[in-house]
Amino acid sequence: MAFDKATRRKRIQRIIRTKVAGTSERPRLSVFRSNTGIYAQIIDDTVGHTLVAASSKHVSVDGGNGVALAAAVGKELASRAQEKGITKVVFDRSGYLYHGRVKSLAEGAREGGLNF
């Protein structure tokens, strides 16, 4: 039985969320990728609050493509997290392949100072 893309992603997302949970010591870095942008949040799952968020809508890169923009979002998220005292996170790719914009965002966050 074949699943469509969205159903497959939701299934993978459920599997990931059973293994990856954000705590107050190590919150979860969640990624959402759309056709037009990329969004990232750092979430404390014990209380259900978003601690830090960044998106491609508020970050600008001169002449950059989607991958460069995702790296800039990762760096921006990391700098906002540093201001709040967050240095360690667990990465939640939300069912997307670790490739392209998702990988670039993760590498940008690592360059910005987040450990995961």
PDB file of N, CA and C in Angstrom:
ATOM      1  N   MET A   1       0.843  -1.178   0.000  1.00  0.00           N
ATOM      2  CA  MET A   1       0.000   0.000   0.000  1.00  0.00           C
ATOM      3  C   MET A   1       0.890   1.243   0.000  1.00  0.00           C
ATOM      4  N   ALA A   2       0.695   2.104  -0.965  1.00  0.00           N
ATOM      5  CA  ALA A   2       1.521   3.299  -1.101  1.00  0.00           C
ATOM      6  C   ALA A   2       0.875   4.474  -0.367  1.00  0.00           C
ATOM      7  N   PHE A   3       1.690   5.242   0.292  1.00  0.00           N
ATOM      8  CA  PHE A   3       1.227   6.437   0.983  1.00  0.00           C
ATOM      9  C   PHE A   3       1.602   7.659   0.169  1.00  0.00           C
ATOM     10  N   ASP A   4       0.800   8.703   0.275  1.00  0.00           N
ATOM     11  CA  ASP A   4       1.213   9.944  -0.363  1.00  0.00           C
ATOM     12  C   ASP A   4       2.272  10.615   0.514  1.00  0.00           C
ATOM     13  N   LYS A   5       2.857  11.668  -0.006  1.00  0.00           N
ATOM     14  CA  LYS A   5       3.985  12.316   0.659  1.00  0.00           C
ATOM     15  C   LYS A   5       3.641  12.816   2.063  1.00  0.00           C
ATOM     16  N   ALA A   6       2.491  13.448   2.199  1.00  0.00           N
ATOM     17  CA  ALA A   6       2.094  14.029   3.482  1.00  0.00           C
ATOM     18  C   ALA A   6       1.842  12.948   4.532  1.00  0.00           C
ATOM     19  N   THR A   7       1.195  11.865   4.149  1.00  0.00           N
ATOM     20  CA  THR A   7       0.930  10.778   5.081  1.00  0.00           C
ATOM     21  C   THR A   7       2.224  10.120   5.528  1.00  0.00           C
ATOM     22  N   ARG A   8       3.134   9.926   4.590  1.00  0.00           N
ATOM     23  CA  ARG A   8       4.437   9.336   4.906  1.00  0.00           C
ATOM     24  C   ARG A   8       5.193  10.222   5.889  1.00  0.00           C
ATOM     25  N   ARG A   9       5.182  11.537   5.662  1.00  0.00           N
ATOM     26  CA  ARG A   9       5.890  12.468   6.534  1.00  0.00           C
ATOM     27  C   ARG A   9       5.293  12.482   7.937  1.00  0.00           C
ATOM     28  N   LYS A  10       3.972  12.454   8.030  1.00  0.00           N
ATOM     29  CA  LYS A  10       3.312  12.422   9.346  1.00  0.00           C
ATOM     30  C   LYS A  10       3.668  11.150  10.107  1.00  0.00           C
ATOM     31  N   ARG A  11       3.756  10.031   9.396  1.00  0.00           N
ATOM     32  CA  ARG A  11       4.125   8.757  10.019  1.00  0.00           C
ATOM     33  C   ARG A  11       5.551   8.814  10.557  1.00  0.00           C
ATOM     34  N   ILE A  12       6.466   9.327   9.751  1.00  0.00           N
ATOM     35  CA  ILE A  12       7.863   9.472  10.182  1.00  0.00           C
ATOM     36  C   ILE A  12       7.948  10.441  11.349  1.00  0.00           C
ATOM     37  N   GLN A  13       7.169  11.519  11.278  1.00  0.00           N
ATOM     38  CA  GLN A  13       7.160  12.524  12.340  1.00  0.00           C
ATOM     39  C   GLN A  13       6.732  11.904  13.671  1.00  0.00           C
ATOM     40  N   ARG A  14       5.713  11.044  13.639  1.00  0.00           N
ATOM     41  CA  ARG A  14       5.255  10.366  14.850  1.00  0.00           C
ATOM     42  C   ARG A  14       6.343   9.487  15.441  1.00  0.00           C
ATOM     43  N   ILE A  15       7.056   8.763  14.583  1.00  0.00           N
ATOM     44  CA  ILE A  15       8.137   7.889  15.039  1.00  0.00           C
ATOM     45  C   ILE A  15       9.259   8.707  15.679  1.00  0.00           C
ATOM     46  N   ILE A  16       9.622   9.821  15.046  1.00  0.00           N
ATOM     47  CA  ILE A  16      10.692  10.680  15.568  1.00  0.00           C
ATOM     48  C   ILE A  16      10.296  11.263  16.920  1.00  0.00           C
ATOM     49  N   ARG A  17       9.043  11.731  17.054  1.00  0.00           N
ATOM     50  CA  ARG A  17       8.606  12.383  18.289  1.00  0.00           C
ATOM     51  C   ARG A  17       8.519  11.424  19.462  1.00  0.00           C
ATOM     52  N   THR A  18       8.390  10.098  19.199  1.00  0.00           N
ATOM     53  CA  THR A  18       8.403   9.159  20.312  1.00  0.00           C
ATOM     54  C   THR A  18       9.810   9.003  20.877  1.00  0.00           C
ATOM     55  N   LYS A  19      10.820   9.262  20.048  1.00  0.00           N
ATOM     56  CA  LYS A  19      12.206   9.099  20.480  1.00  0.00           C
ATOM     57  C   LYS A  19      12.849  10.412  20.899  1.00  0.00           C
ATOM     58  N   VAL A  20      12.414  11.517  20.321  1.00  0.00           N
ATOM     59  CA  VAL A  20      13.024  12.819  20.559  1.00  0.00           C
ATOM     60  C   VAL A  20      12.030  13.700  21.293  1.00  0.00           C
ATOM     61  N   ALA A  21      12.403  14.152  22.474  1.00  0.00           N
ATOM     62  CA  ALA A  21      11.563  15.066  23.240  1.00  0.00           C
ATOM     63  C   ALA A  21      12.447  16.135  23.857  1.00  0.00           C
ATOM     64  N   GLY A  22      11.966  17.358  23.862  1.00  0.00           N
ATOM     65  CA  GLY A  22      12.730  18.465  24.419  1.00  0.00           C
ATOM     66  C   GLY A  22      12.468  18.633  25.893  1.00  0.00           C
ATOM     67  N   THR A  23      13.524  18.798  26.650  1.00  0.00           N
ATOM     68  CA  THR A  23      13.418  19.074  28.086  1.00  0.00           C
ATOM     69  C   THR A  23      13.887  20.497  28.335  1.00  0.00           C
ATOM     70  N   SER A  24      13.813  20.934  29.579  1.00  0.00           N
ATOM     71  CA  SER A  24      14.273  22.296  29.873  1.00  0.00           C
ATOM     72  C   SER A  24      15.798  22.396  29.768  1.00  0.00           C
ATOM     73  N   GLU A  25      16.510  21.275  30.019  1.00  0.00           N
ATOM     74  CA  GLU A  25      17.968  21.293  29.875  1.00  0.00           C
ATOM     75  C   GLU A  25      18.389  21.192  28.407  1.00  0.00           C
ATOM     76  N   ARG A  26      17.616  20.423  27.624  1.00  0.00           N
ATOM     77  CA  ARG A  26      17.940  20.175  26.214  1.00  0.00           C
ATOM     78  C   ARG A  26      16.657  20.262  25.387  1.00  0.00           C
ATOM     79  N   PRO A  27      16.240  21.481  25.013  1.00  0.00           N
ATOM     80  CA  PRO A  27      15.001  21.621  24.252  1.00  0.00           C
ATOM     81  C   PRO A  27      15.119  21.072  22.830  1.00  0.00           C
ATOM     82  N   ARG A  28      13.993  20.929  22.164  1.00  0.00           N
ATOM     83  CA  ARG A  28      13.922  20.353  20.816  1.00  0.00           C
ATOM     84  C   ARG A  28      13.944  21.450  19.774  1.00  0.00           C
ATOM     85  N   LEU A  29      14.824  21.316  18.771  1.00  0.00           N
ATOM     86  CA  LEU A  29      14.872  22.234  17.642  1.00  0.00           C
ATOM     87  C   LEU A  29      14.045  21.603  16.516  1.00  0.00           C
ATOM     88  N   SER A  30      12.882  22.179  16.254  1.00  0.00           N
ATOM     89  CA  SER A  30      11.963  21.641  15.262  1.00  0.00           C
ATOM     90  C   SER A  30      12.023  22.475  13.988  1.00  0.00           C
ATOM     91  N   VAL A  31      11.999  21.795  12.834  1.00  0.00           N
ATOM     92  CA  VAL A  31      12.111  22.448  11.534  1.00  0.00           C
ATOM     93  C   VAL A  31      10.824  22.237  10.746  1.00  0.00           C
ATOM     94  N   PHE A  32      10.349  23.297  10.088  1.00  0.00           N
ATOM     95  CA  PHE A  32       9.260  23.177   9.126  1.00  0.00           C
ATOM     96  C   PHE A  32       9.727  23.787   7.825  1.00  0.00           C
ATOM     97  N   ARG A  33       9.561  23.036   6.751  1.00  0.00           N
ATOM     98  CA  ARG A  33      10.016  23.472   5.428  1.00  0.00           C
ATOM     99  C   ARG A  33       8.804  23.533   4.514  1.00  0.00           C
ATOM    100  N   SER A  34       8.615  24.686   3.889  1.00  0.00           N
ATOM    101  CA  SER A  34       7.547  24.815   2.899  1.00  0.00           C
ATOM    102  C   SER A  34       8.187  25.122   1.547  1.00  0.00           C
ATOM    103  N   ASN A  35       7.372  25.278   0.521  1.00  0.00           N
ATOM    104  CA  ASN A  35       7.920  25.604  -0.791  1.00  0.00           C
ATOM    105  C   ASN A  35       8.533  26.998  -0.830  1.00  0.00           C
ATOM    106  N   THR A  36       8.026  27.896  -0.016  1.00  0.00           N
ATOM    107  CA  THR A  36       8.482  29.283  -0.066  1.00  0.00           C
ATOM    108  C   THR A  36       9.431  29.672   1.057  1.00  0.00           C
ATOM    109  N   GLY A  37       9.483  28.923   2.140  1.00  0.00           N
ATOM    110  CA  GLY A  37      10.329  29.333   3.253  1.00  0.00           C
ATOM    111  C   GLY A  37      10.697  28.179   4.154  1.00  0.00           C
ATOM    112  N   ILE A  38      11.478  28.506   5.184  1.00  0.00           N
ATOM    113  CA  ILE A  38      11.870  27.515   6.192  1.00  0.00           C
ATOM    114  C   ILE A  38      11.751  28.174   7.563  1.00  0.00           C
ATOM    115  N   TYR A  39      11.239  27.417   8.515  1.00  0.00           N
ATOM    116  CA  TYR A  39      10.963  27.931   9.848  1.00  0.00           C
ATOM    117  C   TYR A  39      11.588  26.986  10.869  1.00  0.00           C
ATOM    118  N   ALA A  40      12.067  27.540  11.973  1.00  0.00           N
ATOM    119  CA  ALA A  40      12.659  26.713  13.023  1.00  0.00           C
ATOM    120  C   ALA A  40      12.236  27.258  14.386  1.00  0.00           C
ATOM    121  N   GLN A  41      12.003  26.345  15.312  1.00  0.00           N
ATOM    122  CA  GLN A  41      11.624  26.696  16.677  1.00  0.00           C
ATOM    123  C   GLN A  41      12.418  25.859  17.651  1.00  0.00           C
ATOM    124  N   ILE A  42      12.699  26.430  18.801  1.00  0.00           N
ATOM    125  CA  ILE A  42      13.266  25.668  19.902  1.00  0.00           C
ATOM    126  C   ILE A  42      12.169  25.558  20.950  1.00  0.00           C
ATOM    127  N   ILE A  43      11.788  24.299  21.259  1.00  0.00           N
ATOM    128  CA  ILE A  43      10.596  24.027  22.057  1.00  0.00           C
ATOM    129  C   ILE A  43      10.951  23.235  23.307  1.00  0.00           C
ATOM    130  N   ASP A  44      10.383  23.640  24.441  1.00  0.00           N
ATOM    131  CA  ASP A  44      10.470  22.868  25.671  1.00  0.00           C
ATOM    132  C   ASP A  44       9.193  22.047  25.770  1.00  0.00           C
ATOM    133  N   ASP A  45       9.287  20.734  25.521  1.00  0.00           N
ATOM    134  CA  ASP A  45       8.103  19.880  25.483  1.00  0.00           C
ATOM    135  C   ASP A  45       7.523  19.577  26.856  1.00  0.00           C
ATOM    136  N   THR A  46       8.289  19.764  27.925  1.00  0.00           N
ATOM    137  CA  THR A  46       7.759  19.468  29.257  1.00  0.00           C
ATOM    138  C   THR A  46       6.644  20.438  29.628  1.00  0.00           C
ATOM    139  N   VAL A  47       6.748  21.695  29.193  1.00  0.00           N
ATOM    140  CA  VAL A  47       5.700  22.678  29.467  1.00  0.00           C
ATOM    141  C   VAL A  47       4.963  23.098  28.205  1.00  0.00           C
ATOM    142  N   GLY A  48       5.469  22.705  27.038  1.00  0.00           N
ATOM    143  CA  GLY A  48       4.799  23.002  25.787  1.00  0.00           C
ATOM    144  C   GLY A  48       4.954  24.428  25.310  1.00  0.00           C
ATOM    145  N   HIS A  49       6.111  25.036  25.570  1.00  0.00           N
ATOM    146  CA  HIS A  49       6.345  26.423  25.174  1.00  0.00           C
ATOM    147  C   HIS A  49       7.436  26.521  24.117  1.00  0.00           C
ATOM    148  N   THR A  50       7.245  27.439  23.178  1.00  0.00           N
ATOM    149  CA  THR A  50       8.286  27.774  22.218  1.00  0.00           C
ATOM    150  C   THR A  50       9.190  28.801  22.875  1.00  0.00           C
ATOM    151  N   LEU A  51      10.477  28.487  22.965  1.00  0.00           N
ATOM    152  CA  LEU A  51      11.425  29.375  23.625  1.00  0.00           C
ATOM    153  C   LEU A  51      12.013  30.385  22.652  1.00  0.00           C
ATOM    154  N   VAL A  52      12.360  29.929  21.457  1.00  0.00           N
ATOM    155  CA  VAL A  52      12.981  30.778  20.438  1.00  0.00           C
ATOM    156  C   VAL A  52      12.448  30.347  19.084  1.00  0.00           C
ATOM    157  N   ALA A  53      12.286  31.306  18.164  1.00  0.00           N
ATOM    158  CA  ALA A  53      11.849  30.973  16.807  1.00  0.00           C
ATOM    159  C   ALA A  53      12.552  31.875  15.805  1.00  0.00           C
ATOM    160  N   ALA A  54      12.739  31.362  14.594  1.00  0.00           N
ATOM    161  CA  ALA A  54      13.308  32.144  13.492  1.00  0.00           C
ATOM    162  C   ALA A  54      12.738  31.606  12.189  1.00  0.00           C
ATOM    163  N   SER A  55      12.640  32.468  11.188  1.00  0.00           N
ATOM    164  CA  SER A  55      12.111  32.025   9.902  1.00  0.00           C
ATOM    165  C   SER A  55      12.785  32.781   8.771  1.00  0.00           C
ATOM    166  N   SER A  56      12.628  32.251   7.569  1.00  0.00           N
ATOM    167  CA  SER A  56      13.210  32.882   6.396  1.00  0.00           C
ATOM    168  C   SER A  56      12.451  34.154   6.018  1.00  0.00           C
ATOM    169  N   LYS A  57      11.299  34.372   6.587  1.00  0.00           N
ATOM    170  CA  LYS A  57      10.533  35.594   6.306  1.00  0.00           C
ATOM    171  C   LYS A  57      11.179  36.824   6.937  1.00  0.00           C
ATOM    172  N   HIS A  58      11.964  36.619   7.992  1.00  0.00           N
ATOM    173  CA  HIS A  58      12.562  37.743   8.708  1.00  0.00           C
ATOM    174  C   HIS A  58      14.075  37.813   8.576  1.00  0.00           C
ATOM    175  N   VAL A  59      14.655  36.928   7.779  1.00  0.00           N
ATOM    176  CA  VAL A  59      16.103  36.909   7.564  1.00  0.00           C
ATOM    177  C   VAL A  59      16.340  37.176   6.085  1.00  0.00           C
ATOM    178  N   SER A  60      17.308  38.039   5.790  1.00  0.00           N
ATOM    179  CA  SER A  60      17.582  38.325   4.379  1.00  0.00           C
ATOM    180  C   SER A  60      19.021  37.958   4.043  1.00  0.00           C
ATOM    181  N   VAL A  61      19.182  37.418   2.835  1.00  0.00           N
ATOM    182  CA  VAL A  61      20.495  37.055   2.315  1.00  0.00           C
ATOM    183  C   VAL A  61      20.592  37.655   0.922  1.00  0.00           C
ATOM    184  N   ASP A  62      21.685  38.351   0.635  1.00  0.00           N
ATOM    185  CA  ASP A  62      21.843  38.975  -0.672  1.00  0.00           C
ATOM    186  C   ASP A  62      22.151  37.929  -1.728  1.00  0.00           C
ATOM    187  N   GLY A  63      21.254  37.778  -2.688  1.00  0.00           N
ATOM    188  CA  GLY A  63      21.470  36.875  -3.814  1.00  0.00           C
ATOM    189  C   GLY A  63      21.590  35.419  -3.447  1.00  0.00           C
ATOM    190  N   GLY A  64      21.092  35.024  -2.282  1.00  0.00           N
ATOM    191  CA  GLY A  64      21.224  33.648  -1.849  1.00  0.00           C
ATOM    192  C   GLY A  64      20.072  32.781  -2.317  1.00  0.00           C
ATOM    193  N   ASN A  65      20.338  31.516  -2.460  1.00  0.00           N
ATOM    194  CA  ASN A  65      19.284  30.564  -2.804  1.00  0.00           C
ATOM    195  C   ASN A  65      18.660  30.017  -1.528  1.00  0.00           C
ATOM    196  N   GLY A  66      17.825  29.010  -1.627  1.00  0.00           N
ATOM    197  CA  GLY A  66      17.147  28.455  -0.466  1.00  0.00           C
ATOM    198  C   GLY A  66      18.084  27.859   0.553  1.00  0.00           C
ATOM    199  N   VAL A  67      19.174  27.247   0.079  1.00  0.00           N
ATOM    200  CA  VAL A  67      20.135  26.623   0.993  1.00  0.00           C
ATOM    201  C   VAL A  67      20.875  27.690   1.795  1.00  0.00           C
ATOM    202  N   ALA A  68      21.282  28.762   1.138  1.00  0.00           N
ATOM    203  CA  ALA A  68      21.972  29.856   1.833  1.00  0.00           C
ATOM    204  C   ALA A  68      21.034  30.550   2.819  1.00  0.00           C
ATOM    205  N   LEU A  69      19.786  30.701   2.437  1.00  0.00           N
ATOM    206  CA  LEU A  69      18.804  31.320   3.315  1.00  0.00           C
ATOM    207  C   LEU A  69      18.555  30.451   4.545  1.00  0.00           C
ATOM    208  N   ALA A  70      18.507  29.131   4.364  1.00  0.00           N
ATOM    209  CA  ALA A  70      18.314  28.217   5.487  1.00  0.00           C
ATOM    210  C   ALA A  70      19.490  28.291   6.457  1.00  0.00           C
ATOM    211  N   ALA A  71      20.709  28.412   5.942  1.00  0.00           N
ATOM    212  CA  ALA A  71      21.882  28.545   6.809  1.00  0.00           C
ATOM    213  C   ALA A  71      21.799  29.836   7.621  1.00  0.00           C
ATOM    214  N   ALA A  72      21.328  30.908   6.998  1.00  0.00           N
ATOM    215  CA  ALA A  72      21.175  32.182   7.706  1.00  0.00           C
ATOM    216  C   ALA A  72      20.109  32.073   8.797  1.00  0.00           C
ATOM    217  N   VAL A  73      19.043  31.342   8.541  1.00  0.00           N
ATOM    218  CA  VAL A  73      18.004  31.125   9.548  1.00  0.00           C
ATOM    219  C   VAL A  73      18.584  30.343  10.726  1.00  0.00           C
ATOM    220  N   GLY A  74      19.405  29.335  10.434  1.00  0.00           N
ATOM    221  CA  GLY A  74      20.044  28.559  11.501  1.00  0.00           C
ATOM    222  C   GLY A  74      20.942  29.410  12.373  1.00  0.00           C
ATOM    223  N   LYS A  75      21.719  30.286  11.750  1.00  0.00           N
ATOM    224  CA  LYS A  75      22.604  31.180  12.514  1.00  0.00           C
ATOM    225  C   LYS A  75      21.802  32.163  13.351  1.00  0.00           C
ATOM    226  N   GLU A  76      20.722  32.697  12.779  1.00  0.00           N
ATOM    227  CA  GLU A  76      19.868  33.629  13.510  1.00  0.00           C
ATOM    228  C   GLU A  76      19.209  32.940  14.708  1.00  0.00           C
ATOM    229  N   LEU A  77      18.734  31.727  14.498  1.00  0.00           N
ATOM    230  CA  LEU A  77      18.131  30.959  15.591  1.00  0.00           C
ATOM    231  C   LEU A  77      19.152  30.710  16.697  1.00  0.00           C
ATOM    232  N   ALA A  78      20.374  30.358  16.311  1.00  0.00           N
ATOM    233  CA  ALA A  78      21.427  30.092  17.296  1.00  0.00           C
ATOM    234  C   ALA A  78      21.765  31.346  18.089  1.00  0.00           C
ATOM    235  N   SER A  79      21.821  32.492  17.428  1.00  0.00           N
ATOM    236  CA  SER A  79      22.145  33.726  18.159  1.00  0.00           C
ATOM    237  C   SER A  79      21.023  34.101  19.131  1.00  0.00           C
ATOM    238  N   ARG A  80      19.765  33.899  18.715  1.00  0.00           N
ATOM    239  CA  ARG A  80      18.647  34.169  19.630  1.00  0.00           C
ATOM    240  C   ARG A  80      18.657  33.193  20.799  1.00  0.00           C
ATOM    241  N   ALA A  81      19.030  31.940  20.541  1.00  0.00           N
ATOM    242  CA  ALA A  81      19.095  30.945  21.613  1.00  0.00           C
ATOM    243  C   ALA A  81      20.215  31.274  22.592  1.00  0.00           C
ATOM    244  N   GLN A  82      21.350  31.743  22.079  1.00  0.00           N
ATOM    245  CA  GLN A  82      22.475  32.123  22.948  1.00  0.00           C
ATOM    246  C   GLN A  82      22.055  33.238  23.909  1.00  0.00           C
ATOM    247  N   GLU A  83      21.239  34.191  23.407  1.00  0.00           N
ATOM    248  CA  GLU A  83      20.761  35.288  24.260  1.00  0.00           C
ATOM    249  C   GLU A  83      19.906  34.761  25.406  1.00  0.00           C
ATOM    250  N   LYS A  84      19.156  33.684  25.173  1.00  0.00           N
ATOM    251  CA  LYS A  84      18.314  33.081  26.206  1.00  0.00           C
ATOM    252  C   LYS A  84      19.073  32.064  27.057  1.00  0.00           C
ATOM    253  N   GLY A  85      20.350  31.816  26.738  1.00  0.00           N
ATOM    254  CA  GLY A  85      21.149  30.874  27.512  1.00  0.00           C
ATOM    255  C   GLY A  85      21.005  29.431  27.081  1.00  0.00           C
ATOM    256  N   ILE A  86      20.545  29.191  25.873  1.00  0.00           N
ATOM    257  CA  ILE A  86      20.373  27.825  25.366  1.00  0.00           C
ATOM    258  C   ILE A  86      21.572  27.480  24.489  1.00  0.00           C
ATOM    259  N   THR A  87      22.262  26.393  24.837  1.00  0.00           N
ATOM    260  CA  THR A  87      23.410  25.965  24.032  1.00  0.00           C
ATOM    261  C   THR A  87      23.263  24.539  23.522  1.00  0.00           C
ATOM    262  N   LYS A  88      22.489  23.699  24.232  1.00  0.00           N
ATOM    263  CA  LYS A  88      22.320  22.310  23.825  1.00  0.00           C
ATOM    264  C   LYS A  88      20.875  22.058  23.433  1.00  0.00           C
ATOM    265  N   VAL A  89      20.680  21.419  22.276  1.00  0.00           N
ATOM    266  CA  VAL A  89      19.341  21.081  21.801  1.00  0.00           C
ATOM    267  C   VAL A  89      19.356  19.686  21.195  1.00  0.00           C
ATOM    268  N   VAL A  90      18.168  19.120  20.991  1.00  0.00           N
ATOM    269  CA  VAL A  90      18.030  17.894  20.206  1.00  0.00           C
ATOM    270  C   VAL A  90      17.368  18.292  18.893  1.00  0.00           C
ATOM    271  N   PHE A  91      17.803  17.700  17.794  1.00  0.00           N
ATOM    272  CA  PHE A  91      17.344  18.100  16.470  1.00  0.00           C
ATOM    273  C   PHE A  91      16.169  17.239  16.028  1.00  0.00           C
ATOM    274  N   ASP A  92      15.096  17.885  15.618  1.00  0.00           N
ATOM    275  CA  ASP A  92      13.900  17.217  15.113  1.00  0.00           C
ATOM    276  C   ASP A  92      13.693  17.661  13.675  1.00  0.00           C
ATOM    277  N   ARG A  93      13.964  16.771  12.734  1.00  0.00           N
ATOM    278  CA  ARG A  93      13.852  17.127  11.313  1.00  0.00           C
ATOM    279  C   ARG A  93      12.429  17.046  10.808  1.00  0.00           C
ATOM    280  N   SER A  94      11.485  16.666  11.642  1.00  0.00           N
ATOM    281  CA  SER A  94      10.045  16.663  11.347  1.00  0.00           C
ATOM    282  C   SER A  94       9.670  15.837  10.135  1.00  0.00           C
ATOM    283  N   GLY A  95      10.332  14.737   9.922  1.00  0.00           N
ATOM    284  CA  GLY A  95       9.982  13.852   8.826  1.00  0.00           C
ATOM    285  C   GLY A  95      10.613  14.198   7.501  1.00  0.00           C
ATOM    286  N   TYR A  96      11.347  15.308   7.435  1.00  0.00           N
ATOM    287  CA  TYR A  96      12.031  15.677   6.197  1.00  0.00           C
ATOM    288  C   TYR A  96      13.367  14.943   6.134  1.00  0.00           C
ATOM    289  N   LEU A  97      13.855  14.703   4.928  1.00  0.00           N
ATOM    290  CA  LEU A  97      15.170  14.113   4.771  1.00  0.00           C
ATOM    291  C   LEU A  97      16.235  15.096   5.239  1.00  0.00           C
ATOM    292  N   TYR A  98      17.298  14.575   5.847  1.00  0.00           N
ATOM    293  CA  TYR A  98      18.406  15.430   6.298  1.00  0.00           C
ATOM    294  C   TYR A  98      19.266  15.733   5.077  1.00  0.00           C
ATOM    295  N   HIS A  99      18.801  16.709   4.287  1.00  0.00           N
ATOM    296  CA  HIS A  99      19.425  16.991   3.014  1.00  0.00           C
ATOM    297  C   HIS A  99      18.970  18.386   2.570  1.00  0.00           C
ATOM    298  N   GLY A 100      19.787  19.087   1.856  1.00  0.00           N
ATOM    299  CA  GLY A 100      19.385  20.373   1.306  1.00  0.00           C
ATOM    300  C   GLY A 100      19.177  21.436   2.359  1.00  0.00           C
ATOM    301  N   ARG A 101      17.978  22.041   2.366  1.00  0.00           N
ATOM    302  CA  ARG A 101      17.699  23.158   3.264  1.00  0.00           C
ATOM    303  C   ARG A 101      17.687  22.748   4.733  1.00  0.00           C
ATOM    304  N   VAL A 102      17.218  21.538   5.031  1.00  0.00           N
ATOM    305  CA  VAL A 102      17.180  21.074   6.426  1.00  0.00           C
ATOM    306  C   VAL A 102      18.607  20.890   6.947  1.00  0.00           C
ATOM    307  N   LYS A 103      19.461  20.287   6.142  1.00  0.00           N
ATOM    308  CA  LYS A 103      20.856  20.088   6.525  1.00  0.00           C
ATOM    309  C   LYS A 103      21.572  21.431   6.666  1.00  0.00           C
ATOM    310  N   SER A 104      21.302  22.353   5.757  1.00  0.00           N
ATOM    311  CA  SER A 104      21.919  23.665   5.800  1.00  0.00           C
ATOM    312  C   SER A 104      21.515  24.435   7.054  1.00  0.00           C
ATOM    313  N   LEU A 105      20.248  24.344   7.445  1.00  0.00           N
ATOM    314  CA  LEU A 105      19.786  24.998   8.666  1.00  0.00           C
ATOM    315  C   LEU A 105      20.508  24.417   9.880  1.00  0.00           C
ATOM    316  N   ALA A 106      20.653  23.093   9.915  1.00  0.00           N
ATOM    317  CA  ALA A 106      21.337  22.449  11.038  1.00  0.00           C
ATOM    318  C   ALA A 106      22.796  22.874  11.112  1.00  0.00           C
ATOM    319  N   GLU A 107      23.466  22.934   9.970  1.00  0.00           N
ATOM    320  CA  GLU A 107      24.868  23.345   9.957  1.00  0.00           C
ATOM    321  C   GLU A 107      25.021  24.809  10.356  1.00  0.00           C
ATOM    322  N   GLY A 108      24.080  25.652   9.924  1.00  0.00           N
ATOM    323  CA  GLY A 108      24.102  27.060  10.327  1.00  0.00           C
ATOM    324  C   GLY A 108      23.901  27.229  11.822  1.00  0.00           C
ATOM    325  N   ALA A 109      23.022  26.424  12.404  1.00  0.00           N
ATOM    326  CA  ALA A 109      22.806  26.477  13.852  1.00  0.00           C
ATOM    327  C   ALA A 109      24.045  26.006  14.606  1.00  0.00           C
ATOM    328  N   ARG A 110      24.714  24.992  14.075  1.00  0.00           N
ATOM    329  CA  ARG A 110      25.960  24.520  14.706  1.00  0.00           C
ATOM    330  C   ARG A 110      27.033  25.604  14.642  1.00  0.00           C
ATOM    331  N   GLU A 111      27.152  26.276  13.489  1.00  0.00           N
ATOM    332  CA  GLU A 111      28.133  27.359  13.353  1.00  0.00           C
ATOM    333  C   GLU A 111      27.817  28.499  14.303  1.00  0.00           C
ATOM    334  N   GLY A 112      26.526  28.710  14.569  1.00  0.00           N
ATOM    335  CA  GLY A 112      26.100  29.767  15.481  1.00  0.00           C
ATOM    336  C   GLY A 112      26.346  29.445  16.943  1.00  0.00           C
ATOM    337  N   GLY A 113      26.666  28.196  17.258  1.00  0.00           N
ATOM    338  CA  GLY A 113      27.018  27.838  18.624  1.00  0.00           C
ATOM    339  C   GLY A 113      26.118  26.828  19.304  1.00  0.00           C
ATOM    340  N   LEU A 114      25.109  26.287  18.618  1.00  0.00           N
ATOM    341  CA  LEU A 114      24.277  25.262  19.225  1.00  0.00           C
ATOM    342  C   LEU A 114      24.938  23.896  19.126  1.00  0.00           C
ATOM    343  N   ASN A 115      24.786  23.091  20.157  1.00  0.00           N
ATOM    344  CA  ASN A 115      25.321  21.726  20.168  1.00  0.00           C
ATOM    345  C   ASN A 115      24.173  20.732  20.096  1.00  0.00           C
ATOM    346  N   PHE A 116      24.239  19.840  19.093  1.00  0.00           N
ATOM    347  CA  PHE A 116      23.270  18.736  18.979  1.00  0.00           C
ATOM    348  C   PHE A 116      23.859  17.630  18.157  1.00  0.00           C
TER     349      PHE A 116
END
